[in-house]
C-alpha atoms as a PDB file:
ATOM      1  CA  UNK A   1     -23.750   2.233 -11.924  1.00  0.00           C
ATOM      2  CA  UNK A   2     -21.311   4.668 -10.500  1.00  0.00           C
ATOM      3  CA  UNK A   3     -17.690   4.239 -11.848  1.00  0.00           C
ATOM      4  CA  UNK A   4     -14.549   5.684 -10.026  1.00  0.00           C
ATOM      5  CA  UNK A   5     -11.304   6.846 -11.643  1.00  0.00           C
ATOM      6  CA  UNK A   6      -8.401   4.683 -11.669  1.00  0.00           C
ATOM      7  CA  UNK A   7      -6.477   7.065  -9.284  1.00  0.00           C
ATOM      8  CA  UNK A   8      -9.627   6.500  -6.804  1.00  0.00           C
ATOM      9  CA  UNK A   9      -9.244   2.868  -7.096  1.00  0.00           C
ATOM     10  CA  UNK A  10      -5.515   3.044  -6.539  1.00  0.00           C
ATOM     11  CA  UNK A  11      -6.055   5.186  -3.397  1.00  0.00           C
ATOM     12  CA  UNK A  12      -8.602   2.676  -2.131  1.00  0.00           C
ATOM     13  CA  UNK A  13      -6.058  -0.210  -2.878  1.00  0.00           C
ATOM     14  CA  UNK A  14      -3.538   1.866  -1.136  1.00  0.00           C
ATOM     15  CA  UNK A  15      -5.462   2.595   1.940  1.00  0.00           C
ATOM     16  CA  UNK A  16      -6.243  -0.963   2.239  1.00  0.00           C
ATOM     17  CA  UNK A  17      -2.779  -2.162   2.052  1.00  0.00           C
ATOM     18  CA  UNK A  18      -2.111   0.430   4.768  1.00  0.00           C
ATOM     19  CA  UNK A  19      -4.388  -0.872   7.245  1.00  0.00           C
ATOM     20  CA  UNK A  20      -3.396  -4.708   6.542  1.00  0.00           C
ATOM     21  CA  UNK A  21       0.288  -3.616   7.245  1.00  0.00           C
ATOM     22  CA  UNK A  22      -0.531  -1.668  10.431  1.00  0.00           C
ATOM     23  CA  UNK A  23      -2.687  -4.745  11.720  1.00  0.00           C
ATOM     24  CA  UNK A  24       0.326  -7.067  10.995  1.00  0.00           C
ATOM     25  CA  UNK A  25       2.712  -4.747  12.550  1.00  0.00           C
ATOM     26  CA  UNK A  26       0.505  -4.894  15.704  1.00  0.00           C
ATOM     27  CA  UNK A  27       0.967  -8.238  15.954  1.00  0.00           C
ATOM     28  CA  UNK A  28       4.494  -9.240  14.412  1.00  0.00           C
ATOM     29  CA  UNK A  29       6.332  -5.980  15.103  1.00  0.00           C
ATOM     30  CA  UNK A  30       7.125  -3.293  12.526  1.00  0.00           C
ATOM     31  CA  UNK A  31      10.600  -4.988  11.459  1.00  0.00           C
ATOM     32  CA  UNK A  32       8.921  -8.395  10.638  1.00  0.00           C
ATOM     33  CA  UNK A  33       9.749  -9.247   7.313  1.00  0.00           C
ATOM     34  CA  UNK A  34       6.163  -9.887   6.408  1.00  0.00           C
ATOM     35  CA  UNK A  35       5.424  -6.306   7.665  1.00  0.00           C
ATOM     36  CA  UNK A  36       8.618  -4.957   5.658  1.00  0.00           C
ATOM     37  CA  UNK A  37       7.204  -6.434   2.427  1.00  0.00           C
ATOM     38  CA  UNK A  38       3.869  -4.757   3.165  1.00  0.00           C
ATOM     39  CA  UNK A  39       5.559  -1.483   3.361  1.00  0.00           C
ATOM     40  CA  UNK A  40       7.661  -1.933   0.310  1.00  0.00           C
ATOM     41  CA  UNK A  41       4.345  -2.924  -1.444  1.00  0.00           C
ATOM     42  CA  UNK A  42       2.912   0.383  -0.325  1.00  0.00           C
ATOM     43  CA  UNK A  43       6.020   2.411  -1.525  1.00  0.00           C
ATOM     44  CA  UNK A  44       5.714   0.845  -4.897  1.00  0.00           C
ATOM     45  CA  UNK A  45       2.057   1.621  -5.325  1.00  0.00           C
ATOM     46  CA  UNK A  46       2.552   5.022  -4.115  1.00  0.00           C
ATOM     47  CA  UNK A  47       5.357   5.844  -6.389  1.00  0.00           C
ATOM     48  CA  UNK A  48       3.126   4.502  -9.183  1.00  0.00           C
ATOM     49  CA  UNK A  49       0.272   6.645  -8.185  1.00  0.00           C
ATOM     50  CA  UNK A  50       2.558   9.706  -8.290  1.00  0.00           C
ATOM     51  CA  UNK A  51       4.148   8.544 -11.469  1.00  0.00           C
ATOM     52  CA  UNK A  52       7.679   7.910 -10.248  1.00  0.00           C
ATOM     53  CA  UNK A  53       9.515   5.173 -11.508  1.00  0.00           C
ATOM     54  CA  UNK A  54      12.144   3.485  -9.199  1.00  0.00           C
ATOM     55  CA  UNK A  55      14.804   1.039 -10.853  1.00  0.00           C
END
């Protein structure tokens, strides 16, 4: 069985969330609260991956 690193898993999750955000944005627009929430979640995931802590 092949295992992937945590950073690779996180990168896959980030990419999945990004695709979902763009799909929602095409339907709802980039300023819709649901799309903004996706964007903020992406920011948090990317910051976590980079080791940045935001208070």
